[in-house]
N, C-alpha and C. Protein backbone atom coordinates (compact mmCIF):
# COMPACT_ATOMS: atom_id res chain seq x y z
N MET A 1 6.55 17.17 20.34
CA MET A 1 7.55 15.93 20.23
C MET A 1 8.10 16.04 18.66
N ALA A 2 9.36 15.78 18.57
CA ALA A 2 9.94 15.94 17.06
C ALA A 2 10.06 14.43 16.60
N CYS A 3 9.36 14.45 15.32
CA CYS A 3 9.91 13.05 14.73
C CYS A 3 11.34 12.82 14.02
N ASN A 4 11.72 11.56 14.60
CA ASN A 4 12.90 11.31 13.89
C ASN A 4 12.80 10.73 12.27
N PRO A 5 13.94 11.09 11.66
CA PRO A 5 14.07 10.83 10.01
C PRO A 5 13.98 9.54 9.83
N ALA A 6 13.58 8.92 8.99
CA ALA A 6 13.80 7.35 8.81
C ALA A 6 15.33 6.78 8.65
N PRO A 7 15.50 5.80 9.28
CA PRO A 7 17.32 5.39 9.27
C PRO A 7 17.46 5.08 7.57
N ASP A 8 18.69 5.54 7.40
CA ASP A 8 19.40 5.12 6.18
C ASP A 8 19.92 3.79 5.92
N THR A 9 19.94 3.13 6.62
CA THR A 9 20.62 1.80 6.77
C THR A 9 19.61 0.79 7.83
N PHE A 10 19.41 -0.32 7.43
CA PHE A 10 19.05 -1.63 8.46
C PHE A 10 20.13 -2.85 8.17
N GLY A 11 21.29 -2.59 9.48
CA GLY A 11 21.99 -4.04 9.29
C GLY A 11 22.85 -3.62 7.55
N LYS A 12 22.72 -4.51 6.96
CA LYS A 12 23.53 -4.44 5.45
C LYS A 12 22.83 -3.41 4.40
N LEU A 13 21.02 -3.82 5.02
CA LEU A 13 20.47 -2.91 3.68
C LEU A 13 20.40 -1.52 3.97
N ASP A 14 20.67 -1.26 2.23
CA ASP A 14 20.58 0.34 2.25
C ASP A 14 18.85 0.54 2.01
N LEU A 15 18.64 1.34 3.11
CA LEU A 15 17.10 1.64 3.00
C LEU A 15 16.65 2.76 2.26
N LYS A 16 17.33 3.81 2.28
CA LYS A 16 17.39 4.96 1.15
C LYS A 16 17.31 4.60 -0.23
N LYS A 17 18.07 3.85 -0.68
CA LYS A 17 17.84 3.26 -2.35
C LYS A 17 16.77 2.37 -2.36
N TRP A 18 16.51 1.88 -1.02
CA TRP A 18 15.25 0.86 -1.34
C TRP A 18 13.92 1.47 -1.50
N ARG A 19 14.00 2.70 -0.45
CA ARG A 19 12.45 3.49 -0.33
C ARG A 19 12.40 4.16 -1.78
N GLY A 20 13.80 4.42 -2.47
CA GLY A 20 13.88 5.19 -3.96
C GLY A 20 13.81 4.73 -4.86
N ASP A 21 13.57 3.63 -4.77
CA ASP A 21 13.09 2.74 -6.04
C ASP A 21 11.47 1.97 -5.79
N ARG A 22 10.46 2.93 -6.17
CA ARG A 22 9.20 2.53 -5.76
C ARG A 22 8.73 1.75 -6.76
N GLY A 23 7.99 0.59 -6.48
CA GLY A 23 7.95 -0.48 -7.45
C GLY A 23 8.95 -1.38 -8.02
N GLY A 24 10.20 -0.93 -7.76
CA GLY A 24 11.36 -1.76 -8.17
C GLY A 24 11.23 -1.17 -9.64
N CYS A 25 10.89 -0.55 -10.09
CA CYS A 25 10.59 -0.09 -11.41
C CYS A 25 12.28 0.63 -11.87
N ASN A 26 12.85 0.97 -11.16
CA ASN A 26 14.26 1.28 -11.53
C ASN A 26 15.21 0.32 -11.42
N GLY A 27 14.98 -0.81 -11.09
CA GLY A 27 16.11 -2.06 -11.13
C GLY A 27 16.96 -1.44 -9.71
N VAL A 28 16.82 -0.96 -8.80
CA VAL A 28 17.68 -0.95 -7.72
C VAL A 28 17.05 -2.02 -6.80
N ARG A 29 16.04 -2.11 -6.20
CA ARG A 29 15.82 -3.01 -5.13
C ARG A 29 16.41 -4.53 -5.92
N ALA A 30 16.48 -4.86 -6.96
CA ALA A 30 16.75 -6.40 -7.59
C ALA A 30 18.15 -6.53 -7.18
N THR A 31 19.18 -5.45 -7.03
CA THR A 31 20.40 -5.24 -6.65
C THR A 31 20.61 -5.36 -5.09
N LEU A 32 19.48 -5.14 -4.18
CA LEU A 32 19.44 -5.04 -2.73
C LEU A 32 19.18 -6.66 -2.18
N VAL A 33 18.51 -7.49 -3.02
CA VAL A 33 18.13 -8.73 -2.59
C VAL A 33 19.03 -9.19 -1.57
N PRO A 34 20.13 -9.38 -1.66
CA PRO A 34 21.40 -10.13 -1.16
C PRO A 34 21.29 -9.69 0.21
N ASP A 35 21.00 -8.31 0.21
CA ASP A 35 21.26 -7.42 1.74
C ASP A 35 19.90 -7.16 2.62
N PHE A 36 18.84 -7.48 1.84
CA PHE A 36 17.52 -8.02 2.19
C PHE A 36 17.54 -8.87 2.87
N ARG A 37 18.17 -10.28 2.30
CA ARG A 37 17.92 -11.43 2.54
C ARG A 37 18.66 -11.85 4.07
N ALA A 38 19.73 -10.87 4.08
CA ALA A 38 20.44 -10.94 5.43
C ALA A 38 19.65 -10.42 6.35
N GLU A 39 18.46 -9.58 6.30
CA GLU A 39 17.95 -8.88 7.58
C GLU A 39 16.75 -9.52 8.07
N ILE A 40 16.13 -10.46 7.04
CA ILE A 40 14.65 -11.14 7.39
C ILE A 40 14.32 -11.19 8.77
N GLN A 41 15.57 -11.96 9.51
CA GLN A 41 14.93 -12.18 10.98
C GLN A 41 15.01 -11.10 11.75
N ASN A 42 15.47 -10.11 11.42
CA ASN A 42 15.56 -8.73 12.12
C ASN A 42 14.23 -8.35 11.51
N LEU A 43 13.97 -8.54 10.69
CA LEU A 43 12.46 -7.60 10.23
C LEU A 43 11.23 -8.30 11.19
N LYS A 44 11.33 -9.84 11.24
CA LYS A 44 10.42 -10.45 12.06
C LYS A 44 9.82 -9.76 13.35
N GLY A 45 8.92 -9.78 13.80
CA GLY A 45 8.91 -8.89 15.02
C GLY A 45 8.47 -7.76 15.08
N LYS A 46 9.00 -6.74 14.21
CA LYS A 46 8.66 -5.74 13.99
C LYS A 46 7.30 -5.19 13.82
N THR A 47 6.88 -4.00 14.11
CA THR A 47 5.49 -3.68 14.13
C THR A 47 5.33 -2.77 12.59
N THR A 48 3.91 -2.97 12.12
CA THR A 48 3.75 -2.31 10.82
C THR A 48 4.16 -1.12 10.74
N ASN A 49 4.14 -0.18 11.70
CA ASN A 49 4.63 1.27 11.72
C ASN A 49 6.05 1.10 11.64
N THR A 50 6.96 0.37 12.08
CA THR A 50 8.39 0.15 11.74
C THR A 50 8.48 -0.34 10.50
N ILE A 51 7.93 -1.13 10.22
CA ILE A 51 8.26 -1.83 8.74
C ILE A 51 7.77 -0.98 7.66
N GLY A 52 7.09 0.37 7.76
CA GLY A 52 6.54 1.57 6.97
C GLY A 52 7.56 2.18 7.17
N GLU A 53 8.16 2.63 8.16
CA GLU A 53 9.57 3.58 8.47
C GLU A 53 10.66 3.06 7.77
N LEU A 54 10.68 1.72 7.88
CA LEU A 54 12.13 1.31 7.20
C LEU A 54 11.83 1.15 5.60
N LEU A 55 10.94 0.47 5.25
CA LEU A 55 11.08 0.11 4.07
C LEU A 55 9.94 1.17 2.87
N GLY A 56 9.38 1.89 3.56
CA GLY A 56 8.43 2.83 2.67
C GLY A 56 7.45 2.28 2.63
N ARG A 57 6.31 2.90 1.92
CA ARG A 57 4.84 2.51 1.89
C ARG A 57 5.13 1.36 1.00
N PRO A 58 4.27 0.34 1.65
CA PRO A 58 4.46 -0.70 0.75
C PRO A 58 3.64 -0.78 -1.09
N ASP A 59 4.23 -1.20 -1.51
CA ASP A 59 3.43 -1.36 -3.34
C ASP A 59 2.32 -1.78 -3.24
N ILE A 60 1.64 -2.46 -2.52
CA ILE A 60 0.29 -3.62 -2.33
C ILE A 60 0.35 -3.22 -0.80
N ASN A 61 -0.69 -3.15 -0.38
CA ASN A 61 -1.39 -3.48 1.02
C ASN A 61 -2.45 -4.59 0.73
N GLN A 62 -2.34 -5.82 1.18
CA GLN A 62 -3.02 -6.88 0.82
C GLN A 62 -3.65 -7.03 1.98
N ILE A 63 -5.07 -7.30 2.38
CA ILE A 63 -6.03 -7.94 3.33
C ILE A 63 -5.86 -9.49 3.20
N ALA A 64 -5.67 -10.14 4.33
CA ALA A 64 -5.73 -11.53 4.33
C ALA A 64 -6.83 -12.22 5.22
N ASP A 65 -6.76 -12.99 5.58
CA ASP A 65 -7.84 -13.94 6.70
C ASP A 65 -7.49 -13.48 7.94
N ARG A 66 -8.48 -13.53 9.05
CA ARG A 66 -8.28 -13.17 10.45
C ARG A 66 -7.36 -11.89 10.67
N ASN A 67 -7.75 -10.89 9.90
CA ASN A 67 -7.10 -9.44 10.32
C ASN A 67 -5.60 -9.54 9.77
N GLN A 68 -5.19 -10.16 9.30
CA GLN A 68 -3.54 -10.26 8.99
C GLN A 68 -3.68 -9.61 7.65
N LYS A 69 -2.37 -9.05 7.21
CA LYS A 69 -2.41 -8.75 5.77
C LYS A 69 -0.92 -8.78 5.33
N PHE A 70 -0.61 -8.59 4.11
CA PHE A 70 0.74 -8.73 3.64
C PHE A 70 1.01 -7.28 2.87
N TYR A 71 2.49 -6.87 3.40
CA TYR A 71 3.02 -5.74 2.81
C TYR A 71 4.00 -6.39 1.93
N ILE A 72 3.31 -5.94 0.49
CA ILE A 72 3.95 -6.30 -0.88
C ILE A 72 4.66 -5.35 -1.56
N TYR A 73 6.22 -5.55 -1.93
CA TYR A 73 7.16 -4.74 -2.14
C TYR A 73 7.51 -5.45 -3.85
N PHE A 74 7.21 -5.02 -4.76
CA PHE A 74 8.17 -5.51 -6.11
C PHE A 74 9.51 -5.01 -5.95
N LEU A 75 10.18 -6.18 -6.62
CA LEU A 75 11.56 -6.27 -6.67
C LEU A 75 12.26 -5.96 -8.16
N GLU A 76 11.29 -5.91 -9.29
CA GLU A 76 11.59 -5.74 -10.38
C GLU A 76 10.92 -4.81 -11.22
N LYS A 77 11.32 -4.23 -12.00
CA LYS A 77 10.34 -3.58 -13.19
C LYS A 77 9.20 -4.45 -13.83
N GLY A 78 8.00 -4.13 -13.74
CA GLY A 78 7.07 -5.24 -14.07
C GLY A 78 6.00 -4.32 -14.89
N SER A 79 4.79 -4.93 -15.33
CA SER A 79 3.68 -4.26 -15.78
C SER A 79 2.75 -3.34 -14.84
N HIS A 80 3.26 -3.56 -13.70
CA HIS A 80 2.77 -2.63 -12.31
C HIS A 80 3.20 -1.21 -12.60
N CYS A 81 4.42 -1.11 -13.27
CA CYS A 81 4.84 0.31 -13.24
C CYS A 81 4.93 1.42 -14.35
N ASP A 82 4.20 0.37 -15.55
CA ASP A 82 3.79 1.31 -16.70
C ASP A 82 2.26 1.41 -16.47
N GLN A 83 1.64 0.84 -15.83
CA GLN A 83 -0.01 0.60 -15.78
C GLN A 83 -0.34 0.04 -14.25
N PRO A 84 -0.41 1.35 -13.51
CA PRO A 84 -0.45 0.87 -11.99
C PRO A 84 -1.76 0.27 -11.77
N GLY A 85 -2.13 -0.61 -11.11
CA GLY A 85 -3.45 -1.41 -10.87
C GLY A 85 -3.28 -2.35 -11.54
N LEU A 86 -2.16 -2.96 -12.63
CA LEU A 86 -2.37 -3.81 -13.51
C LEU A 86 -1.81 -5.16 -12.66
N LYS A 87 -2.32 -6.48 -12.76
CA LYS A 87 -1.59 -7.19 -12.14
C LYS A 87 -0.29 -7.61 -12.93
N SER A 88 0.50 -7.79 -11.74
CA SER A 88 2.04 -8.23 -12.19
C SER A 88 2.60 -9.46 -11.83
N ASN A 89 3.42 -10.03 -12.46
CA ASN A 89 3.89 -11.34 -12.03
C ASN A 89 5.63 -11.05 -11.85
N SER A 90 6.00 -9.74 -11.64
CA SER A 90 7.50 -9.40 -11.34
C SER A 90 7.82 -10.09 -9.88
N ARG A 91 9.20 -10.45 -9.86
CA ARG A 91 9.25 -10.92 -8.42
C ARG A 91 8.89 -9.76 -7.59
N SER A 92 8.50 -10.54 -6.15
CA SER A 92 8.10 -9.22 -5.30
C SER A 92 8.64 -10.35 -3.96
N VAL A 93 8.33 -9.32 -2.77
CA VAL A 93 8.62 -9.79 -1.10
C VAL A 93 7.57 -9.69 -0.92
N ALA A 94 7.10 -10.28 -0.11
CA ALA A 94 5.61 -10.32 0.98
C ALA A 94 6.02 -10.31 2.19
N ILE A 95 5.54 -9.45 3.28
CA ILE A 95 5.94 -9.54 4.68
C ILE A 95 4.38 -9.76 5.21
N ARG A 96 3.91 -10.87 5.77
CA ARG A 96 2.84 -10.92 6.59
C ARG A 96 2.79 -10.48 7.75
N MET A 97 1.52 -9.59 8.32
CA MET A 97 1.78 -8.63 9.43
C MET A 97 0.62 -9.47 10.35
N SER A 98 0.85 -9.85 11.21
CA SER A 98 -0.64 -10.52 12.23
C SER A 98 -1.63 -9.55 12.41
N ALA A 99 -2.59 -10.20 13.18
CA ALA A 99 -3.64 -9.35 13.74
C ALA A 99 -3.33 -8.26 14.33
N ILE A 100 -1.96 -8.60 15.03
CA ILE A 100 -1.72 -7.65 16.52
C ILE A 100 -0.45 -6.70 15.92
N GLY A 101 -0.55 -7.05 14.47
CA GLY A 101 0.31 -5.86 13.72
C GLY A 101 1.92 -5.94 13.94
N LEU A 102 2.20 -7.33 13.76
CA LEU A 102 3.83 -7.57 13.87
C LEU A 102 4.18 -8.58 12.75
N ALA A 103 5.46 -8.18 12.04
CA ALA A 103 5.54 -9.14 10.70
C ALA A 103 5.87 -10.27 11.52
N THR A 104 5.18 -11.50 10.85
CA THR A 104 5.60 -12.77 11.37
C THR A 104 6.35 -13.64 10.23
N GLU A 105 6.12 -13.43 8.82
CA GLU A 105 6.79 -14.13 7.70
C GLU A 105 7.05 -13.13 6.48
N VAL A 106 8.12 -13.45 5.93
CA VAL A 106 8.59 -12.95 4.84
C VAL A 106 9.04 -13.76 3.73
N THR A 107 8.41 -13.38 2.86
CA THR A 107 8.47 -14.74 1.50
C THR A 107 8.89 -13.77 0.26
N PHE A 108 9.36 -14.74 -0.33
CA PHE A 108 9.49 -14.36 -2.27
C PHE A 108 8.87 -15.03 -2.69
N GLN A 109 8.52 -14.42 -4.08
CA GLN A 109 7.62 -14.87 -4.97
C GLN A 109 7.28 -14.23 -6.25
N ASN A 110 6.75 -14.69 -7.39
CA ASN A 110 6.26 -13.51 -8.49
C ASN A 110 5.14 -13.32 -8.17
N GLY A 111 4.69 -12.03 -8.23
CA GLY A 111 3.55 -11.66 -8.50
C GLY A 111 3.15 -11.46 -7.01
N LEU A 112 1.97 -11.65 -6.78
CA LEU A 112 1.46 -11.67 -5.22
C LEU A 112 1.34 -12.99 -4.52
N PRO A 113 1.32 -12.84 -3.13
CA PRO A 113 1.33 -14.24 -2.53
C PRO A 113 -0.25 -14.99 -2.86
């Protein structure tokens, strides 16, 4: 079986640019926020594998209660860029993944949820 390459776009969101700005450290993700917001409803219900394929590996994979987890993507440069592992209060988006591996909620915040 051949693997298909990850798509370059998801609706209006340029996934190639999103994935290329690991941690939001280059400032590209911040410019993509309006396009990301436009696709939130289309992200809900997607599997963990699909989210990872679309948006790339999360900057932080946080385990939550009852076998849920958050995929966290930073939207702007912060302390996490210069010193990985250091707590950052930069703007981020968190995608809550249910115990059965489906995206159920997308939230924006400063730092971690």
